[in-house]
């Protein structure tokens, strides 16, 4: 297995760096430094946004002050910010902090950075709908829904708005890891509703694996995002998606310059690009190095990456 065009498109900008969170739990300054290093070295093409809680934006500004771009033509650092839940009174406070941050950091003299994505826990379909109506147009929300519940009602609400869904795929205790069936039902509902999604936690490794520390069976990020792409293109039901998510043999994953396949289903490079741009968006990881090392060990990083057209 070597990295062909379809694989590089699948991986381009896939990892949102969540170094503040377990198991890494870095302090702010080391986290910011690692995000900067990863962004400018060979790993940079796989890196997406940096994830910061709204309550720690002031601390982030201090830690990143000397690293943020200070020229008009430079691309800003992009942040995904964790806010208080849908329907909470405190959410308005977080939105005000975000607005102030974006206004300040649109000026190169303050270091260029932009918060264009927020992540927040959902509640009832009604509270989600009311919250989405209150959000400014320049923020794209990912609403975390419980994969253990029937998510179809939540997806219906999100499908009618400029919003995405978020699935928690791991954590520090076994109960935070959704089963294969739960993950498959989430992906099927998101695909059916045309709802973009992101995942968070538990996806450090490309393929499904056992984590003896938690302990739990972990999903793989290649499995989740290739299966999601296939599900969207072939209109698969949850049972068929579950079958793809369970595949853990590296030889089951085939990536070429024009097509990729898994479990008897094939998708084109264009299919993958469209899915990544508008459906299977990213996953949060407290490590950039661990996914990189695993991909390298599988022999998947032997070629230069191909960028997604934007």
Protein backbone atom coordinates (compact mmCIF):
# COMPACT_ATOMS: atom_id res chain seq x y z
CA UNK A 1 0.00 0.00 0.00
CA UNK A 2 1.39 3.38 -1.02
CA UNK A 3 -0.23 6.79 -0.96
CA UNK A 4 -2.05 7.43 -4.19
CA UNK A 5 -4.15 10.41 -5.18
CA UNK A 6 -7.39 9.09 -3.67
CA UNK A 7 -5.78 8.54 -0.28
CA UNK A 8 -4.17 11.97 -0.16
CA UNK A 9 -7.54 13.59 -0.95
CA UNK A 10 -9.17 11.54 1.82
CA UNK A 11 -6.53 12.67 4.34
CA UNK A 12 -6.07 16.30 3.27
CA UNK A 13 -6.88 18.57 6.24
CA UNK A 14 -8.59 15.70 8.04
CA UNK A 15 -7.13 16.19 11.54
CA UNK A 16 -8.35 18.98 13.81
CA UNK A 17 -5.75 19.32 16.56
CA UNK A 18 -7.21 18.91 20.06
CA UNK A 19 -4.01 18.79 22.05
CA UNK A 20 -5.58 20.32 25.16
CA UNK A 21 -7.72 17.25 25.69
CA UNK A 22 -7.08 13.70 26.98
CA UNK A 23 -5.05 11.66 26.70
CA UNK A 24 -2.43 14.27 25.69
CA UNK A 25 -3.79 17.10 27.92
CA UNK A 26 -1.09 19.54 26.86
CA UNK A 27 -0.80 22.95 28.47
CA UNK A 28 -1.77 25.81 26.16
CA UNK A 29 1.72 26.91 25.14
CA UNK A 30 3.00 23.40 24.27
CA UNK A 31 -0.25 22.75 22.40
CA UNK A 32 0.09 25.93 20.34
CA UNK A 33 3.75 25.18 19.63
CA UNK A 34 2.91 21.66 18.43
CA UNK A 35 0.15 22.93 16.16
CA UNK A 36 2.60 25.43 14.68
CA UNK A 37 5.30 22.79 14.17
CA UNK A 38 2.90 20.36 12.55
CA UNK A 39 1.56 23.08 10.30
CA UNK A 40 4.93 23.89 8.78
CA UNK A 41 6.55 20.45 8.57
CA UNK A 42 5.74 17.39 6.45
CA UNK A 43 2.56 16.71 8.44
CA UNK A 44 0.99 20.06 7.64
CA UNK A 45 -1.16 18.94 4.72
CA UNK A 46 -3.15 16.61 7.01
CA UNK A 47 -3.80 19.35 9.58
CA UNK A 48 -7.10 21.24 9.84
CA UNK A 49 -8.26 23.58 12.57
CA UNK A 50 -6.98 23.94 16.11
CA UNK A 51 -9.63 23.24 18.76
CA UNK A 52 -9.91 25.63 21.72
CA UNK A 53 -12.66 26.09 24.33
CA UNK A 54 -14.26 29.55 24.30
CA UNK A 55 -13.28 29.92 27.96
CA UNK A 56 -9.58 29.63 27.03
CA UNK A 57 -9.41 31.98 24.04
CA UNK A 58 -7.61 34.65 26.08
CA UNK A 59 -4.99 32.11 27.12
CA UNK A 60 -4.68 30.99 23.48
CA UNK A 61 -4.06 34.55 22.32
CA UNK A 62 -1.16 34.96 24.76
CA UNK A 63 0.40 31.59 23.85
CA UNK A 64 0.06 32.12 20.09
CA UNK A 65 0.96 35.83 19.97
CA UNK A 66 4.39 35.33 18.41
CA UNK A 67 3.26 32.61 16.00
CA UNK A 68 0.13 34.01 14.37
CA UNK A 69 0.68 35.39 10.82
CA UNK A 70 1.14 39.16 10.76
CA UNK A 71 0.88 39.90 7.04
CA UNK A 72 -2.25 40.71 5.02
CA UNK A 73 -1.62 38.02 2.41
CA UNK A 74 -0.89 35.27 4.94
CA UNK A 75 -3.55 32.66 5.67
CA UNK A 76 -4.96 33.03 9.18
CA UNK A 77 -4.93 30.23 11.73
CA UNK A 78 -8.39 28.66 11.70
CA UNK A 79 -9.99 27.71 15.00
CA UNK A 80 -12.89 25.50 15.95
CA UNK A 81 -14.18 26.68 19.31
CA UNK A 82 -16.06 24.65 21.90
CA UNK A 83 -18.96 26.61 23.36
CA UNK A 84 -21.64 26.04 25.97
CA UNK A 85 -24.54 23.75 24.88
CA UNK A 86 -27.54 24.52 22.73
CA UNK A 87 -30.23 26.26 24.73
CA UNK A 88 -27.92 27.45 27.52
CA UNK A 89 -28.02 31.05 28.71
CA UNK A 90 -24.21 31.20 28.69
CA UNK A 91 -23.95 30.48 24.96
CA UNK A 92 -24.55 34.15 24.19
CA UNK A 93 -21.49 35.04 26.29
CA UNK A 94 -19.34 32.64 24.26
CA UNK A 95 -20.64 34.08 20.98
CA UNK A 96 -19.75 37.59 22.14
CA UNK A 97 -16.21 36.47 22.99
CA UNK A 98 -15.90 34.85 19.55
CA UNK A 99 -17.12 37.99 17.79
CA UNK A 100 -14.58 40.08 19.68
CA UNK A 101 -11.77 37.61 18.89
CA UNK A 102 -12.57 37.60 15.16
CA UNK A 103 -12.78 41.36 14.99
CA UNK A 104 -9.41 41.75 16.72
CA UNK A 105 -7.58 39.09 14.71
CA UNK A 106 -8.81 40.24 11.32
CA UNK A 107 -6.07 42.87 11.81
CA UNK A 108 -2.61 41.51 10.92
CA UNK A 109 -1.10 43.68 13.67
CA UNK A 110 -2.87 41.43 16.20
CA UNK A 111 -1.92 38.22 14.42
CA UNK A 112 -4.27 36.72 11.86
CA UNK A 113 -6.70 34.09 13.15
CA UNK A 114 -10.35 33.32 12.58
CA UNK A 115 -12.99 31.29 14.37
CA UNK A 116 -15.26 29.98 11.63
CA UNK A 117 -16.48 26.79 13.31
CA UNK A 118 -18.02 26.11 16.71
CA UNK A 119 -18.79 22.81 18.41
CA UNK A 120 -21.54 22.46 20.98
CA UNK A 121 -23.62 19.75 22.60
CA UNK A 122 -27.16 19.37 21.40
CA UNK A 123 -30.27 18.94 23.50
CA UNK A 124 -33.80 18.54 22.23
CA UNK A 125 -34.60 19.10 18.58
CA UNK A 126 -36.41 22.28 19.69
CA UNK A 127 -33.39 23.71 21.56
CA UNK A 128 -31.11 22.92 18.62
CA UNK A 129 -33.46 24.62 16.18
CA UNK A 130 -33.76 27.72 18.38
CA UNK A 131 -30.00 27.92 18.87
CA UNK A 132 -29.25 27.63 15.15
CA UNK A 133 -31.57 30.57 14.49
CA UNK A 134 -29.49 32.70 16.88
CA UNK A 135 -26.06 31.98 15.40
CA UNK A 136 -24.31 34.50 13.14
CA UNK A 137 -23.91 33.53 9.49
CA UNK A 138 -20.10 33.45 9.69
CA UNK A 139 -20.04 30.56 12.18
CA UNK A 140 -20.63 26.97 11.11
CA UNK A 141 -21.83 24.84 14.03
CA UNK A 142 -21.24 21.15 14.62
CA UNK A 143 -23.85 19.92 17.08
CA UNK A 144 -22.85 16.87 19.12
CA UNK A 145 -25.59 14.26 19.23
CA UNK A 146 -25.62 11.07 21.29
CA UNK A 147 -24.91 8.14 19.00
CA UNK A 148 -26.61 5.81 21.48
CA UNK A 149 -29.95 7.47 20.75
CA UNK A 150 -32.07 7.60 17.60
CA UNK A 151 -30.40 10.52 15.83
CA UNK A 152 -32.80 10.79 12.90
CA UNK A 153 -34.87 13.55 14.48
CA UNK A 154 -31.76 15.60 15.23
CA UNK A 155 -30.52 15.08 11.66
CA UNK A 156 -33.85 16.35 10.32
CA UNK A 157 -33.38 19.60 12.24
CA UNK A 158 -29.76 19.98 11.11
CA UNK A 159 -30.62 19.15 7.50
CA UNK A 160 -32.76 22.26 7.28
CA UNK A 161 -29.98 24.55 8.50
CA UNK A 162 -26.41 25.49 7.72
CA UNK A 163 -25.10 23.11 10.37
CA UNK A 164 -23.34 19.81 10.89
CA UNK A 165 -23.47 16.91 13.32
CA UNK A 166 -20.72 15.72 15.63
CA UNK A 167 -20.22 12.18 16.88
CA UNK A 168 -18.08 11.29 19.88
CA UNK A 169 -16.03 8.27 18.87
CA UNK A 170 -14.05 7.74 22.06
CA UNK A 171 -12.81 9.06 25.36
CA UNK A 172 -11.28 8.02 28.66
CA UNK A 173 -13.95 5.45 29.60
CA UNK A 174 -15.47 2.54 27.61
CA UNK A 175 -18.96 4.04 27.54
CA UNK A 176 -17.71 6.93 25.39
CA UNK A 177 -16.93 4.56 22.50
CA UNK A 178 -19.97 4.00 20.26
CA UNK A 179 -20.53 0.51 18.95
CA UNK A 180 -20.08 -0.27 15.29
CA UNK A 181 -23.85 -0.30 14.92
CA UNK A 182 -24.27 3.08 16.60
CA UNK A 183 -21.56 4.67 14.48
CA UNK A 184 -23.06 3.14 11.34
CA UNK A 185 -26.54 4.45 12.17
CA UNK A 186 -25.11 7.93 12.73
CA UNK A 187 -23.34 7.91 9.36
CA UNK A 188 -26.40 6.52 7.58
CA UNK A 189 -28.65 9.22 9.07
CA UNK A 190 -26.17 11.99 8.22
CA UNK A 191 -25.80 10.73 4.65
CA UNK A 192 -29.55 10.38 4.18
CA UNK A 193 -30.14 13.92 5.45
CA UNK A 194 -27.17 15.45 3.64
CA UNK A 195 -25.77 16.63 6.98
CA UNK A 196 -22.00 17.25 7.21
CA UNK A 197 -20.34 15.59 10.17
CA UNK A 198 -17.17 15.51 12.18
CA UNK A 199 -15.93 13.04 14.78
CA UNK A 200 -14.04 13.57 17.99
CA UNK A 201 -11.79 11.40 20.18
CA UNK A 202 -10.72 7.79 19.85
CA UNK A 203 -9.56 7.96 16.22
CA UNK A 204 -5.78 8.10 16.60
CA UNK A 205 -5.28 5.01 14.45
CA UNK A 206 -6.17 4.41 10.78
CA UNK A 207 -7.79 1.00 11.32
CA UNK A 208 -10.05 -0.51 14.00
CA UNK A 209 -8.04 -1.65 16.99
CA UNK A 210 -8.25 -2.64 20.65
CA UNK A 211 -7.21 -0.08 23.25
CA UNK A 212 -6.25 -2.05 26.38
CA UNK A 213 -5.81 1.12 28.47
CA UNK A 214 -9.50 2.13 28.44
CA UNK A 215 -10.30 -0.75 27.50
CA UNK A 216 -12.36 -0.41 24.33
CA UNK A 217 -12.58 -1.35 20.68
CA UNK A 218 -11.63 1.76 18.73
CA UNK A 219 -12.78 2.79 15.30
CA UNK A 220 -10.18 3.70 12.66
CA UNK A 221 -10.16 7.05 10.91
CA UNK A 222 -9.57 5.48 7.49
CA UNK A 223 -12.49 3.14 8.17
CA UNK A 224 -14.87 5.88 9.28
CA UNK A 225 -14.13 8.39 6.53
CA UNK A 226 -13.84 5.97 3.62
CA UNK A 227 -16.98 4.13 4.79
CA UNK A 228 -18.81 7.47 5.06
CA UNK A 229 -17.76 8.41 1.53
CA UNK A 230 -18.95 5.05 0.21
CA UNK A 231 -22.20 5.32 2.16
CA UNK A 232 -22.92 8.73 0.63
CA UNK A 233 -22.15 7.61 -2.92
CA UNK A 234 -23.89 4.24 -2.81
CA UNK A 235 -26.75 5.17 -0.46
CA UNK A 236 -25.90 2.36 1.94
CA UNK A 237 -28.03 1.45 4.93
CA UNK A 238 -26.63 1.16 8.45
CA UNK A 239 -26.10 -2.59 8.20
CA UNK A 240 -23.91 -2.28 5.12
CA UNK A 241 -21.97 0.62 6.68
CA UNK A 242 -21.37 -1.45 9.82
CA UNK A 243 -19.81 -4.15 7.68
CA UNK A 244 -17.33 -1.63 6.28
CA UNK A 245 -16.52 -0.18 9.71
CA UNK A 246 -15.58 -3.62 11.00
CA UNK A 247 -12.92 -4.25 8.35
CA UNK A 248 -9.48 -4.05 9.97
CA UNK A 249 -7.19 -5.85 7.49
CA UNK A 250 -4.97 -3.31 5.69
CA UNK A 251 -5.32 -5.37 2.51
CA UNK A 252 -9.07 -4.59 2.46
CA UNK A 253 -8.32 -0.91 1.74
CA UNK A 254 -7.39 -0.14 -1.85
CA UNK A 255 -6.32 3.34 -2.98
CA UNK A 256 -5.37 4.23 -6.54
CA UNK A 257 -4.89 7.43 -8.46
CA UNK A 258 -8.50 7.54 -9.65
CA UNK A 259 -10.45 5.09 -7.46
CA UNK A 260 -10.55 3.71 -3.94
CA UNK A 261 -12.42 0.67 -2.71
CA UNK A 262 -13.45 -1.12 0.46
CA UNK A 263 -15.65 -4.15 1.01
CA UNK A 264 -16.62 -4.50 -2.64
CA UNK A 265 -17.62 -0.83 -3.07
CA UNK A 266 -15.66 1.60 -5.25
CA UNK A 267 -15.60 5.40 -5.21
CA UNK A 268 -13.81 7.82 -7.49
CA UNK A 269 -11.35 10.54 -6.61
CA UNK A 270 -14.10 13.10 -7.34
CA UNK A 271 -16.47 11.23 -5.02
CA UNK A 272 -13.93 11.43 -2.20
CA UNK A 273 -13.24 15.11 -2.83
CA UNK A 274 -16.95 15.97 -2.79
CA UNK A 275 -17.51 13.97 0.39
CA UNK A 276 -14.61 15.61 2.19
CA UNK A 277 -15.65 19.11 1.18
CA UNK A 278 -19.31 18.78 2.09
CA UNK A 279 -19.98 15.69 4.19
CA UNK A 280 -17.18 13.79 5.96
CA UNK A 281 -15.33 16.85 7.25
CA UNK A 282 -12.74 16.04 9.95
CA UNK A 283 -11.95 14.41 13.25
CA UNK A 284 -10.48 15.87 16.42
CA UNK A 285 -7.30 14.27 17.73
CA UNK A 286 -5.01 15.25 20.59
CA UNK A 287 -2.10 13.91 18.51
CA UNK A 288 -0.96 14.62 14.97
CA UNK A 289 2.12 12.45 15.26
CA UNK A 290 0.36 9.21 16.23
CA UNK A 291 -1.86 9.07 13.11
CA UNK A 292 1.17 10.02 11.01
CA UNK A 293 3.31 7.26 12.51
CA UNK A 294 0.61 4.64 11.98
CA UNK A 295 0.11 5.64 8.35
CA UNK A 296 3.86 5.50 7.83
CA UNK A 297 4.05 2.05 9.44
CA UNK A 298 1.39 0.85 6.97
CA UNK A 299 3.48 2.17 4.08
CA UNK A 300 0.91 4.80 3.15
CA UNK A 301 3.11 7.93 3.10
CA UNK A 302 5.42 7.15 0.22
CA UNK A 303 4.20 9.83 -2.21
CA UNK A 304 3.58 13.55 -2.20
CA UNK A 305 0.00 14.48 -1.24
CA UNK A 306 -2.59 15.78 -3.69
CA UNK A 307 -4.47 18.85 -2.49
CA UNK A 308 -8.25 19.15 -2.50
CA UNK A 309 -9.49 21.87 -4.82
CA UNK A 310 -11.29 24.55 -2.84
